[in-house]
C-alpha atoms as a PDB file:
ATOM      1  CA  MET A   1     -19.789   2.462   3.285  1.00  0.00           C
ATOM      2  CA  ASP A   2     -19.597  -0.117   0.453  1.00  0.00           C
ATOM      3  CA  ASP A   3     -16.870  -2.624   0.008  1.00  0.00           C
ATOM      4  CA  ILE A   4     -14.812  -2.449  -3.127  1.00  0.00           C
ATOM      5  CA  ILE A   5     -12.698  -5.582  -2.412  1.00  0.00           C
ATOM      6  CA  THR A   6     -13.846  -8.512  -0.412  1.00  0.00           C
ATOM      7  CA  ALA A   7     -11.602 -11.505   0.465  1.00  0.00           C
ATOM      8  CA  ARG A   8     -13.363 -14.532   1.854  1.00  0.00           C
ATOM      9  CA  ASP A   9     -11.363 -17.213   3.658  1.00  0.00           C
ATOM     10  CA  VAL A  10      -8.592 -16.973   1.017  1.00  0.00           C
ATOM     11  CA  ARG A  11      -5.933 -19.665   0.941  1.00  0.00           C
ATOM     12  CA  PHE A  12      -3.107 -19.578  -1.569  1.00  0.00           C
ATOM     13  CA  VAL A  13      -0.375 -22.224  -2.076  1.00  0.00           C
ATOM     14  CA  TYR A  14       2.704 -21.816  -4.074  1.00  0.00           C
ATOM     15  CA  ASP A  15       4.083 -24.763  -5.954  1.00  0.00           C
ATOM     16  CA  ASN A  16       7.659 -24.805  -4.844  1.00  0.00           C
ATOM     17  CA  GLY A  17       8.778 -27.113  -7.722  1.00  0.00           C
ATOM     18  CA  GLU A  18      11.139 -30.065  -7.471  1.00  0.00           C
ATOM     19  CA  GLN A  19      13.671 -29.708  -4.766  1.00  0.00           C
ATOM     20  CA  GLU A  20      15.812 -32.685  -5.807  1.00  0.00           C
ATOM     21  CA  PRO A  21      15.495 -34.877  -8.931  1.00  0.00           C
ATOM     22  CA  GLY A  22      12.853 -37.605  -8.271  1.00  0.00           C
ATOM     23  CA  THR A  23      11.466 -35.875  -5.140  1.00  0.00           C
ATOM     24  CA  ALA A  24       7.857 -34.637  -4.885  1.00  0.00           C
ATOM     25  CA  ALA A  25       7.324 -30.719  -4.879  1.00  0.00           C
ATOM     26  CA  GLU A  26       6.590 -29.300  -1.444  1.00  0.00           C
ATOM     27  CA  PRO A  27       3.719 -26.866  -1.604  1.00  0.00           C
ATOM     28  CA  VAL A  28       4.161 -23.628   0.392  1.00  0.00           C
ATOM     29  CA  LEU A  29       0.943 -22.172   2.177  1.00  0.00           C
ATOM     30  CA  VAL A  30       1.271 -18.440   1.807  1.00  0.00           C
ATOM     31  CA  LEU A  31      -2.309 -17.318   2.801  1.00  0.00           C
ATOM     32  CA  ASP A  32      -4.136 -19.287   5.372  1.00  0.00           C
ATOM     33  CA  GLY A  33      -7.855 -18.383   5.566  1.00  0.00           C
ATOM     34  CA  VAL A  34      -7.548 -14.628   5.123  1.00  0.00           C
ATOM     35  CA  SER A  35     -10.851 -12.659   5.227  1.00  0.00           C
ATOM     36  CA  LEU A  36     -10.741  -8.840   4.633  1.00  0.00           C
ATOM     37  CA  ALA A  37     -12.955  -6.190   3.284  1.00  0.00           C
ATOM     38  CA  VAL A  38     -11.580  -2.938   1.696  1.00  0.00           C
ATOM     39  CA  ARG A  39     -14.047  -0.098   1.934  1.00  0.00           C
ATOM     40  CA  GLN A  40     -14.698   2.316  -0.826  1.00  0.00           C
ATOM     41  CA  GLY A  41     -12.745   5.491  -0.275  1.00  0.00           C
ATOM     42  CA  GLU A  42     -10.563   4.352   2.653  1.00  0.00           C
ATOM     43  CA  PHE A  43      -6.830   4.377   3.035  1.00  0.00           C
ATOM     44  CA  LEU A  44      -5.776   0.944   4.237  1.00  0.00           C
ATOM     45  CA  ALA A  45      -2.164   0.041   5.246  1.00  0.00           C
ATOM     46  CA  LEU A  46      -1.140  -3.650   5.046  1.00  0.00           C
ATOM     47  CA  LEU A  47       1.854  -4.505   7.308  1.00  0.00           C
ATOM     48  CA  GLY A  48       3.893  -7.623   7.857  1.00  0.00           C
ATOM     49  CA  HIS A  49       7.511  -8.811   7.739  1.00  0.00           C
ATOM     50  CA  ASN A  50       8.932 -10.365   4.785  1.00  0.00           C
ATOM     51  CA  GLY A  51       7.171 -13.721   4.056  1.00  0.00           C
ATOM     52  CA  SER A  52       4.021 -12.713   5.939  1.00  0.00           C
ATOM     53  CA  GLY A  53       1.749 -12.925   2.829  1.00  0.00           C
ATOM     54  CA  LYS A  54       0.993  -9.196   2.404  1.00  0.00           C
ATOM     55  CA  SER A  55       2.348  -8.850  -1.094  1.00  0.00           C
ATOM     56  CA  THR A  56       0.695 -12.146  -2.157  1.00  0.00           C
ATOM     57  CA  LEU A  57      -2.553 -10.909  -0.857  1.00  0.00           C
ATOM     58  CA  ALA A  58      -2.147  -7.635  -2.676  1.00  0.00           C
ATOM     59  CA  LYS A  59      -1.792  -9.477  -5.984  1.00  0.00           C
ATOM     60  CA  HIS A  60      -5.120 -11.120  -5.438  1.00  0.00           C
ATOM     61  CA  PHE A  61      -6.842  -7.758  -5.415  1.00  0.00           C
ATOM     62  CA  ASN A  62      -6.606  -7.400  -9.138  1.00  0.00           C
ATOM     63  CA  ALA A  63      -6.472 -10.964 -10.200  1.00  0.00           C
ATOM     64  CA  MET A  64      -2.660 -11.218 -10.658  1.00  0.00           C
ATOM     65  CA  LEU A  65      -2.866 -14.261  -8.610  1.00  0.00           C
ATOM     66  CA  LEU A  66      -6.028 -16.442  -7.989  1.00  0.00           C
ATOM     67  CA  PRO A  67      -6.909 -18.064  -4.684  1.00  0.00           C
ATOM     68  CA  THR A  68      -6.156 -21.765  -4.180  1.00  0.00           C
ATOM     69  CA  GLY A  69      -9.225 -21.797  -1.965  1.00  0.00           C
ATOM     70  CA  GLY A  70     -11.791 -19.113  -0.814  1.00  0.00           C
ATOM     71  CA  GLN A  71     -12.936 -16.126  -2.993  1.00  0.00           C
ATOM     72  CA  VAL A  72     -11.910 -12.568  -3.901  1.00  0.00           C
ATOM     73  CA  LEU A  73     -14.561 -10.097  -5.041  1.00  0.00           C
ATOM     74  CA  VAL A  74     -13.899  -6.728  -6.794  1.00  0.00           C
ATOM     75  CA  ARG A  75     -17.219  -4.915  -6.779  1.00  0.00           C
ATOM     76  CA  ASP A  76     -19.007  -8.232  -6.639  1.00  0.00           C
ATOM     77  CA  MET A  77     -16.979  -9.651  -9.578  1.00  0.00           C
ATOM     78  CA  ASP A  78     -15.152 -12.911  -8.791  1.00  0.00           C
ATOM     79  CA  THR A  79     -11.524 -12.630  -9.732  1.00  0.00           C
ATOM     80  CA  ALA A  80     -11.686 -16.265 -10.859  1.00  0.00           C
ATOM     81  CA  ASP A  81     -14.045 -15.337 -13.571  1.00  0.00           C
ATOM     82  CA  GLU A  82     -11.959 -15.041 -16.644  1.00  0.00           C
ATOM     83  CA  GLU A  83     -14.523 -12.836 -18.418  1.00  0.00           C
ATOM     84  CA  LYS A  84     -14.421 -10.282 -15.588  1.00  0.00           C
ATOM     85  CA  LYS A  85     -10.615 -10.044 -15.386  1.00  0.00           C
ATOM     86  CA  TYR A  86     -10.372  -7.020 -17.789  1.00  0.00           C
ATOM     87  CA  GLU A  87     -12.901  -4.990 -15.835  1.00  0.00           C
ATOM     88  CA  ILE A  88     -11.317  -6.084 -12.510  1.00  0.00           C
ATOM     89  CA  ARG A  89      -7.938  -4.658 -13.652  1.00  0.00           C
ATOM     90  CA  ARG A  90      -9.638  -1.414 -14.780  1.00  0.00           C
ATOM     91  CA  THR A  91     -11.107  -1.132 -11.292  1.00  0.00           C
ATOM     92  CA  VAL A  92      -7.951  -1.878  -9.224  1.00  0.00           C
ATOM     93  CA  GLY A  93      -4.741  -0.496 -10.472  1.00  0.00           C
ATOM     94  CA  MET A  94      -1.290  -1.738  -9.099  1.00  0.00           C
ATOM     95  CA  VAL A  95       1.958   0.010  -8.502  1.00  0.00           C
ATOM     96  CA  PHE A  96       5.029  -1.976  -7.597  1.00  0.00           C
ATOM     97  CA  GLN A  97       8.221  -1.138  -5.781  1.00  0.00           C
ATOM     98  CA  ASN A  98      10.570  -0.705  -8.747  1.00  0.00           C
ATOM     99  CA  PRO A  99       9.455   2.112 -10.904  1.00  0.00           C
ATOM    100  CA  ASP A 100      11.970   1.105 -13.623  1.00  0.00           C
ATOM    101  CA  ASN A 101      10.080  -2.116 -14.198  1.00  0.00           C
ATOM    102  CA  GLN A 102       6.772  -0.083 -14.922  1.00  0.00           C
ATOM    103  CA  LEU A 103       8.145   2.545 -17.322  1.00  0.00           C
ATOM    104  CA  VAL A 104       7.964   1.454 -20.977  1.00  0.00           C
ATOM    105  CA  SER A 105       8.529   4.601 -23.121  1.00  0.00           C
ATOM    106  CA  THR A 106      11.299   7.094 -23.677  1.00  0.00           C
ATOM    107  CA  ILE A 107       9.092  10.111 -22.935  1.00  0.00           C
ATOM    108  CA  VAL A 108       7.097  10.681 -19.774  1.00  0.00           C
ATOM    109  CA  GLU A 109       3.751  11.591 -21.495  1.00  0.00           C
ATOM    110  CA  GLU A 110       3.983   8.690 -23.744  1.00  0.00           C
ATOM    111  CA  ASP A 111       4.599   6.231 -20.854  1.00  0.00           C
ATOM    112  CA  VAL A 112       1.384   7.695 -19.171  1.00  0.00           C
ATOM    113  CA  ALA A 113      -0.629   7.235 -22.270  1.00  0.00           C
ATOM    114  CA  PHE A 114       0.355   3.570 -22.685  1.00  0.00           C
ATOM    115  CA  GLY A 115      -2.349   2.226 -20.520  1.00  0.00           C
ATOM    116  CA  PRO A 116      -5.283   4.258 -21.903  1.00  0.00           C
ATOM    117  CA  GLU A 117      -4.075   3.447 -25.533  1.00  0.00           C
ATOM    118  CA  ASN A 118      -4.390  -0.224 -24.764  1.00  0.00           C
ATOM    119  CA  LEU A 119      -7.835   0.287 -23.517  1.00  0.00           C
ATOM    120  CA  GLY A 120      -8.772   1.751 -26.872  1.00  0.00           C
ATOM    121  CA  ILE A 121      -9.540   5.285 -25.533  1.00  0.00           C
ATOM    122  CA  GLU A 122      -9.940   8.065 -28.090  1.00  0.00           C
ATOM    123  CA  PRO A 123      -6.889  10.198 -28.722  1.00  0.00           C
ATOM    124  CA  ALA A 124      -8.402  13.368 -27.394  1.00  0.00           C
ATOM    125  CA  GLU A 125      -9.600  11.714 -24.155  1.00  0.00           C
ATOM    126  CA  ILE A 126      -6.140  10.127 -23.797  1.00  0.00           C
ATOM    127  CA  ARG A 127      -4.461  13.607 -24.138  1.00  0.00           C
ATOM    128  CA  ARG A 128      -6.902  14.885 -21.382  1.00  0.00           C
ATOM    129  CA  ARG A 129      -6.264  11.948 -19.033  1.00  0.00           C
ATOM    130  CA  VAL A 130      -2.499  12.080 -19.553  1.00  0.00           C
ATOM    131  CA  ASP A 131      -2.389  15.828 -18.610  1.00  0.00           C
ATOM    132  CA  ASP A 132      -4.898  15.565 -15.698  1.00  0.00           C
ATOM    133  CA  ALA A 133      -2.789  12.460 -14.348  1.00  0.00           C
ATOM    134  CA  LEU A 134       0.531  14.213 -14.458  1.00  0.00           C
ATOM    135  CA  LYS A 135      -0.840  17.379 -13.005  1.00  0.00           C
ATOM    136  CA  THR A 136      -2.344  15.284 -10.176  1.00  0.00           C
ATOM    137  CA  VAL A 137       1.095  13.722  -9.182  1.00  0.00           C
ATOM    138  CA  GLY A 138       2.923  17.047  -9.763  1.00  0.00           C
ATOM    139  CA  MET A 139       4.850  15.875 -12.766  1.00  0.00           C
ATOM    140  CA  TYR A 140       3.227  17.830 -15.626  1.00  0.00           C
ATOM    141  CA  GLU A 141       6.218  20.074 -16.114  1.00  0.00           C
ATOM    142  CA  TYR A 142       8.330  16.917 -16.871  1.00  0.00           C
ATOM    143  CA  ARG A 143       5.944  15.553 -19.443  1.00  0.00           C
ATOM    144  CA  THR A 144       8.415  15.652 -22.392  1.00  0.00           C
ATOM    145  CA  HIS A 145      11.361  14.462 -20.273  1.00  0.00           C
ATOM    146  CA  ALA A 146      13.150  11.139 -20.431  1.00  0.00           C
ATOM    147  CA  PRO A 147      11.952   8.855 -17.579  1.00  0.00           C
ATOM    148  CA  HIS A 148      15.480   7.344 -16.927  1.00  0.00           C
ATOM    149  CA  LYS A 149      16.735  10.984 -16.138  1.00  0.00           C
ATOM    150  CA  LEU A 150      14.267  11.390 -13.301  1.00  0.00           C
ATOM    151  CA  SER A 151      14.876  10.715  -9.604  1.00  0.00           C
ATOM    152  CA  GLY A 152      13.449   7.639  -8.030  1.00  0.00           C
ATOM    153  CA  GLY A 153      10.500   9.484  -6.526  1.00  0.00           C
ATOM    154  CA  GLN A 154       9.745  11.270  -9.646  1.00  0.00           C
ATOM    155  CA  LYS A 155       9.761   7.849 -11.589  1.00  0.00           C
ATOM    156  CA  GLN A 156       7.400   6.335  -9.018  1.00  0.00           C
ATOM    157  CA  ARG A 157       5.000   9.311  -9.383  1.00  0.00           C
ATOM    158  CA  VAL A 158       5.133   8.822 -13.154  1.00  0.00           C
ATOM    159  CA  ALA A 159       4.243   5.192 -12.720  1.00  0.00           C
ATOM    160  CA  ILE A 160       1.269   6.298 -10.451  1.00  0.00           C
ATOM    161  CA  ALA A 161       0.202   8.616 -13.212  1.00  0.00           C
ATOM    162  CA  GLY A 162       0.160   5.837 -15.673  1.00  0.00           C
ATOM    163  CA  ILE A 163      -2.361   3.835 -13.449  1.00  0.00           C
ATOM    164  CA  LEU A 164      -4.360   7.074 -12.845  1.00  0.00           C
ATOM    165  CA  ALA A 165      -4.767   7.653 -16.575  1.00  0.00           C
ATOM    166  CA  MET A 166      -6.689   4.411 -16.705  1.00  0.00           C
ATOM    167  CA  GLN A 167      -9.027   5.741 -13.965  1.00  0.00           C
ATOM    168  CA  PRO A 168      -9.219   3.063 -11.615  1.00  0.00           C
ATOM    169  CA  ASP A 169     -11.376   3.140  -8.380  1.00  0.00           C
ATOM    170  CA  CYS A 170      -8.756   1.691  -6.252  1.00  0.00           C
ATOM    171  CA  LEU A 171      -4.968   2.003  -6.165  1.00  0.00           C
ATOM    172  CA  VAL A 172      -2.878  -0.939  -4.628  1.00  0.00           C
ATOM    173  CA  LEU A 173       0.702   0.070  -3.962  1.00  0.00           C
ATOM    174  CA  ASP A 174       3.023  -2.879  -3.129  1.00  0.00           C
ATOM    175  CA  GLU A 175       5.933  -1.269  -1.214  1.00  0.00           C
ATOM    176  CA  PRO A 176       6.045   1.669  -3.611  1.00  0.00           C
ATOM    177  CA  THR A 177       8.839   3.473  -1.520  1.00  0.00           C
ATOM    178  CA  ALA A 178      11.147   0.571  -0.748  1.00  0.00           C
ATOM    179  CA  MET A 179      13.811   1.603  -3.218  1.00  0.00           C
ATOM    180  CA  LEU A 180      13.449   5.382  -2.658  1.00  0.00           C
ATOM    181  CA  ASP A 181      15.466   7.798  -0.587  1.00  0.00           C
ATOM    182  CA  PRO A 182      13.627   9.740   2.292  1.00  0.00           C
ATOM    183  CA  ARG A 183      12.829  12.661  -0.114  1.00  0.00           C
ATOM    184  CA  GLY A 184      11.334  10.304  -2.750  1.00  0.00           C
ATOM    185  CA  ARG A 185       9.356   8.371  -0.040  1.00  0.00           C
ATOM    186  CA  ARG A 186       7.862  11.647   1.089  1.00  0.00           C
ATOM    187  CA  GLU A 187       6.894  12.668  -2.486  1.00  0.00           C
ATOM    188  CA  VAL A 188       5.201   9.417  -3.164  1.00  0.00           C
ATOM    189  CA  LEU A 189       3.402   9.246   0.113  1.00  0.00           C
ATOM    190  CA  ASP A 190       2.180  12.924  -0.069  1.00  0.00           C
ATOM    191  CA  THR A 191       0.830  12.042  -3.538  1.00  0.00           C
ATOM    192  CA  VAL A 192      -0.933   8.977  -2.423  1.00  0.00           C
ATOM    193  CA  SER A 193      -2.366  10.605   0.685  1.00  0.00           C
ATOM    194  CA  TRP A 194      -3.756  13.628  -1.541  1.00  0.00           C
ATOM    195  CA  LEU A 195      -5.379  11.177  -3.908  1.00  0.00           C
ATOM    196  CA  ASN A 196      -7.260   9.580  -1.006  1.00  0.00           C
ATOM    197  CA  ARG A 197      -8.151  12.805   0.689  1.00  0.00           C
ATOM    198  CA  GLU A 198      -9.005  15.017  -2.154  1.00  0.00           C
ATOM    199  CA  ARG A 199     -10.073  12.575  -4.965  1.00  0.00           C
ATOM    200  CA  GLY A 200     -11.675   9.965  -2.548  1.00  0.00           C
ATOM    201  CA  MET A 201      -9.625   7.254  -4.173  1.00  0.00           C
ATOM    202  CA  THR A 202      -9.490   3.947  -2.326  1.00  0.00           C
ATOM    203  CA  VAL A 203      -5.784   3.209  -1.396  1.00  0.00           C
ATOM    204  CA  VAL A 204      -4.222   0.053  -0.219  1.00  0.00           C
ATOM    205  CA  LEU A 205      -0.663   0.539   0.787  1.00  0.00           C
ATOM    206  CA  ILE A 206       1.623  -2.384   1.414  1.00  0.00           C
ATOM    207  CA  THR A 207       4.627  -1.232   3.337  1.00  0.00           C
ATOM    208  CA  HIS A 208       7.154  -2.172   6.132  1.00  0.00           C
ATOM    209  CA  TYR A 209       7.710   1.437   7.033  1.00  0.00           C
ATOM    210  CA  MET A 210       5.614   2.128  10.247  1.00  0.00           C
ATOM    211  CA  GLU A 211       5.578   5.911   9.714  1.00  0.00           C
ATOM    212  CA  GLU A 212       3.910   5.367   6.361  1.00  0.00           C
ATOM    213  CA  ALA A 213       1.274   3.059   7.907  1.00  0.00           C
ATOM    214  CA  ALA A 214       0.568   5.725  10.589  1.00  0.00           C
ATOM    215  CA  ARG A 215      -0.882   7.850   7.832  1.00  0.00           C
ATOM    216  CA  ALA A 216      -3.537   5.416   7.007  1.00  0.00           C
ATOM    217  CA  GLY A 217      -7.038   5.278   8.282  1.00  0.00           C
ATOM    218  CA  ARG A 218      -6.966   1.612   9.076  1.00  0.00           C
ATOM    219  CA  VAL A 219      -4.041  -0.801   9.606  1.00  0.00           C
ATOM    220  CA  VAL A 220      -4.090  -4.541   9.026  1.00  0.00           C
ATOM    221  CA  VAL A 221      -1.116  -6.588  10.285  1.00  0.00           C
ATOM    222  CA  MET A 222      -0.304 -10.010   8.727  1.00  0.00           C
ATOM    223  CA  ASP A 223       1.903 -12.808  10.018  1.00  0.00           C
ATOM    224  CA  ASP A 224       2.443 -16.323   8.673  1.00  0.00           C
ATOM    225  CA  GLY A 225      -0.346 -15.957   6.160  1.00  0.00           C
ATOM    226  CA  LYS A 226      -2.980 -14.778   8.631  1.00  0.00           C
ATOM    227  CA  ILE A 227      -4.282 -11.404   9.708  1.00  0.00           C
ATOM    228  CA  ARG A 228      -3.217 -10.886  13.264  1.00  0.00           C
ATOM    229  CA  MET A 229      -4.352  -7.263  14.073  1.00  0.00           C
ATOM    230  CA  GLU A 230      -6.670  -4.804  12.666  1.00  0.00           C
ATOM    231  CA  GLY A 231      -7.747  -1.361  13.750  1.00  0.00           C
ATOM    232  CA  THR A 232      -6.777   2.380  13.492  1.00  0.00           C
ATOM    233  CA  PRO A 233      -3.088   3.262  13.681  1.00  0.00           C
ATOM    234  CA  ARG A 234      -3.395   4.295  17.237  1.00  0.00           C
ATOM    235  CA  GLU A 235      -5.120   1.127  18.281  1.00  0.00           C
ATOM    236  CA  VAL A 236      -2.618  -1.126  16.439  1.00  0.00           C
ATOM    237  CA  PHE A 237       0.690   0.668  17.295  1.00  0.00           C
ATOM    238  CA  SER A 238      -0.283   0.848  20.952  1.00  0.00           C
ATOM    239  CA  GLN A 239       0.297  -2.955  21.025  1.00  0.00           C
ATOM    240  CA  VAL A 240       4.078  -2.490  21.053  1.00  0.00           C
ATOM    241  CA  GLU A 241       4.975  -5.829  22.650  1.00  0.00           C
ATOM    242  CA  ALA A 242       2.512  -7.803  20.522  1.00  0.00           C
ATOM    243  CA  LEU A 243       4.108  -6.197  17.320  1.00  0.00           C
ATOM    244  CA  ARG A 244       7.568  -6.990  18.578  1.00  0.00           C
ATOM    245  CA  ALA A 245       6.497 -10.668  19.075  1.00  0.00           C
ATOM    246  CA  ILE A 246       5.928 -10.816  15.231  1.00  0.00           C
ATOM    247  CA  GLU A 247       9.095  -9.043  14.383  1.00  0.00           C
ATOM    248  CA  LEU A 248       7.576  -5.619  13.626  1.00  0.00           C
ATOM    249  CA  ASP A 249       8.493  -2.139  14.864  1.00  0.00           C
ATOM    250  CA  VAL A 250       6.284   0.796  15.753  1.00  0.00           C
ATOM    251  CA  PRO A 251       6.785   4.396  14.675  1.00  0.00           C
ATOM    252  CA  GLN A 252       9.809   6.033  16.453  1.00  0.00           C
ATOM    253  CA  PRO A 253       7.776   8.489  18.395  1.00  0.00           C
ATOM    254  CA  THR A 254       5.541   5.567  19.717  1.00  0.00           C
ATOM    255  CA  GLU A 255       8.686   3.646  20.554  1.00  0.00           C
ATOM    256  CA  LEU A 256      10.173   6.583  22.543  1.00  0.00           C
ATOM    257  CA  CYS A 257       7.003   7.157  24.592  1.00  0.00           C
ATOM    258  CA  PHE A 258       6.709   3.401  25.284  1.00  0.00           C
ATOM    259  CA  ALA A 259      10.224   3.332  26.634  1.00  0.00           C
ATOM    260  CA  LEU A 260       9.751   6.416  28.714  1.00  0.00           C
ATOM    261  CA  ARG A 261       6.425   5.017  30.191  1.00  0.00           C
ATOM    262  CA  ARG A 262       8.275   1.796  31.153  1.00  0.00           C
ATOM    263  CA  ARG A 263      10.664   4.111  33.171  1.00  0.00           C
ATOM    264  CA  GLY A 264       7.700   5.652  34.989  1.00  0.00           C
ATOM    265  CA  VAL A 265       7.376   8.816  32.874  1.00  0.00           C
ATOM    266  CA  PRO A 266       3.561   9.409  32.715  1.00  0.00           C
ATOM    267  CA  LEU A 267       3.054   9.877  28.936  1.00  0.00           C
ATOM    268  CA  PRO A 268      -0.261   8.968  27.133  1.00  0.00           C
ATOM    269  CA  GLU A 269      -0.593   6.022  24.965  1.00  0.00           C
ATOM    270  CA  GLY A 270      -1.479   6.361  21.288  1.00  0.00           C
ATOM    271  CA  ILE A 271       1.260   8.896  20.273  1.00  0.00           C
ATOM    272  CA  LEU A 272       2.223   8.406  16.555  1.00  0.00           C
ATOM    273  CA  THR A 273       4.010  11.559  15.357  1.00  0.00           C
ATOM    274  CA  PRO A 274       7.044  13.552  16.333  1.00  0.00           C
ATOM    275  CA  GLU A 275       4.710  16.579  16.908  1.00  0.00           C
ATOM    276  CA  GLU A 276       2.532  14.672  19.276  1.00  0.00           C
ATOM    277  CA  CYS A 277       5.469  13.287  21.123  1.00  0.00           C
ATOM    278  CA  ALA A 278       7.068  16.719  21.559  1.00  0.00           C
ATOM    279  CA  GLU A 279       3.834  18.308  22.703  1.00  0.00           C
ATOM    280  CA  ALA A 280       3.210  15.544  25.232  1.00  0.00           C
ATOM    281  CA  ILE A 281       6.790  15.865  26.722  1.00  0.00           C
ATOM    282  CA  ALA A 282       6.450  19.718  26.697  1.00  0.00           C
ATOM    283  CA  LEU A 283       3.172  19.532  28.691  1.00  0.00           C
ATOM    284  CA  LEU A 284       4.786  17.185  31.171  1.00  0.00           C
ATOM    285  CA  MET A 285       7.650  19.520  31.669  1.00  0.00           C
ATOM    286  CA  GLU A 286       5.301  22.513  32.301  1.00  0.00           C
ATOM    287  CA  GLU A 287       3.573  20.649  35.088  1.00  0.00           C
ATOM    288  CA  PRO A 288       4.641  21.922  38.470  1.00  0.00           C
ATOM    289  CA  PRO A 289       6.712  19.419  40.564  1.00  0.00           C
ATOM    290  CA  CYS A 290       4.914  17.239  43.159  1.00  0.00           C
ATOM    291  CA  ARG A 291       5.483  18.496  46.797  1.00  0.00           C
END
């Protein structure tokens, strides 16, 4: 499988500015030699506590930030190449956590059309793209509504539609459900999962919700500007104590089974979902008692 994004030994330093008059600025190292390949068509979840560097790394994927050291390639285009920036941002679309900051029009369909219009797309093609994008995220019936009257989950789906209308190959979502209620989170995650599964879109999801990361095909865990773990959700979340050591949790079913195993209950490792947890406990209860 081809790689759509490649990060090679990426370092990034924020200039922290003057702390006191007459004192030198103290640079802050946020990314410390990060190397990562995002494969075409995969669903990758990027985890880490606040300050781990995950959002900073995400902003390198479409040249919002440029490395202090190392290199980021998008389909072999160097993000540091100013002439390639336009094409890179057409290839990798970004969705952020606050949908209100991404909505620019007073009517939903006009908001979704904003990106394609700036790309110089013909009006007939814009109409087709807007309708297709809104249908894809389940918001077509709201096309003439005012965005500010929508729920948080609906607003975020409109924001995603606005990116889809520009037809990127990769969708990077930086904590898109952080400001949503459980229903809104479910709406957005169902949409993102469908895009990956049915449309084959590459998805990079930055999140601090373990249950969201469990839906991905691969999980990367960051801490202190470095990648600490990488693997399938089952492989990563089975390392409960290692995740706790870097201030991260695991999905609740995984946590429950881990606690029960420590008390001698013979439950299997690698459980992620409530359904898997319930089935494992039910099977255990059906076993005849030892004589």
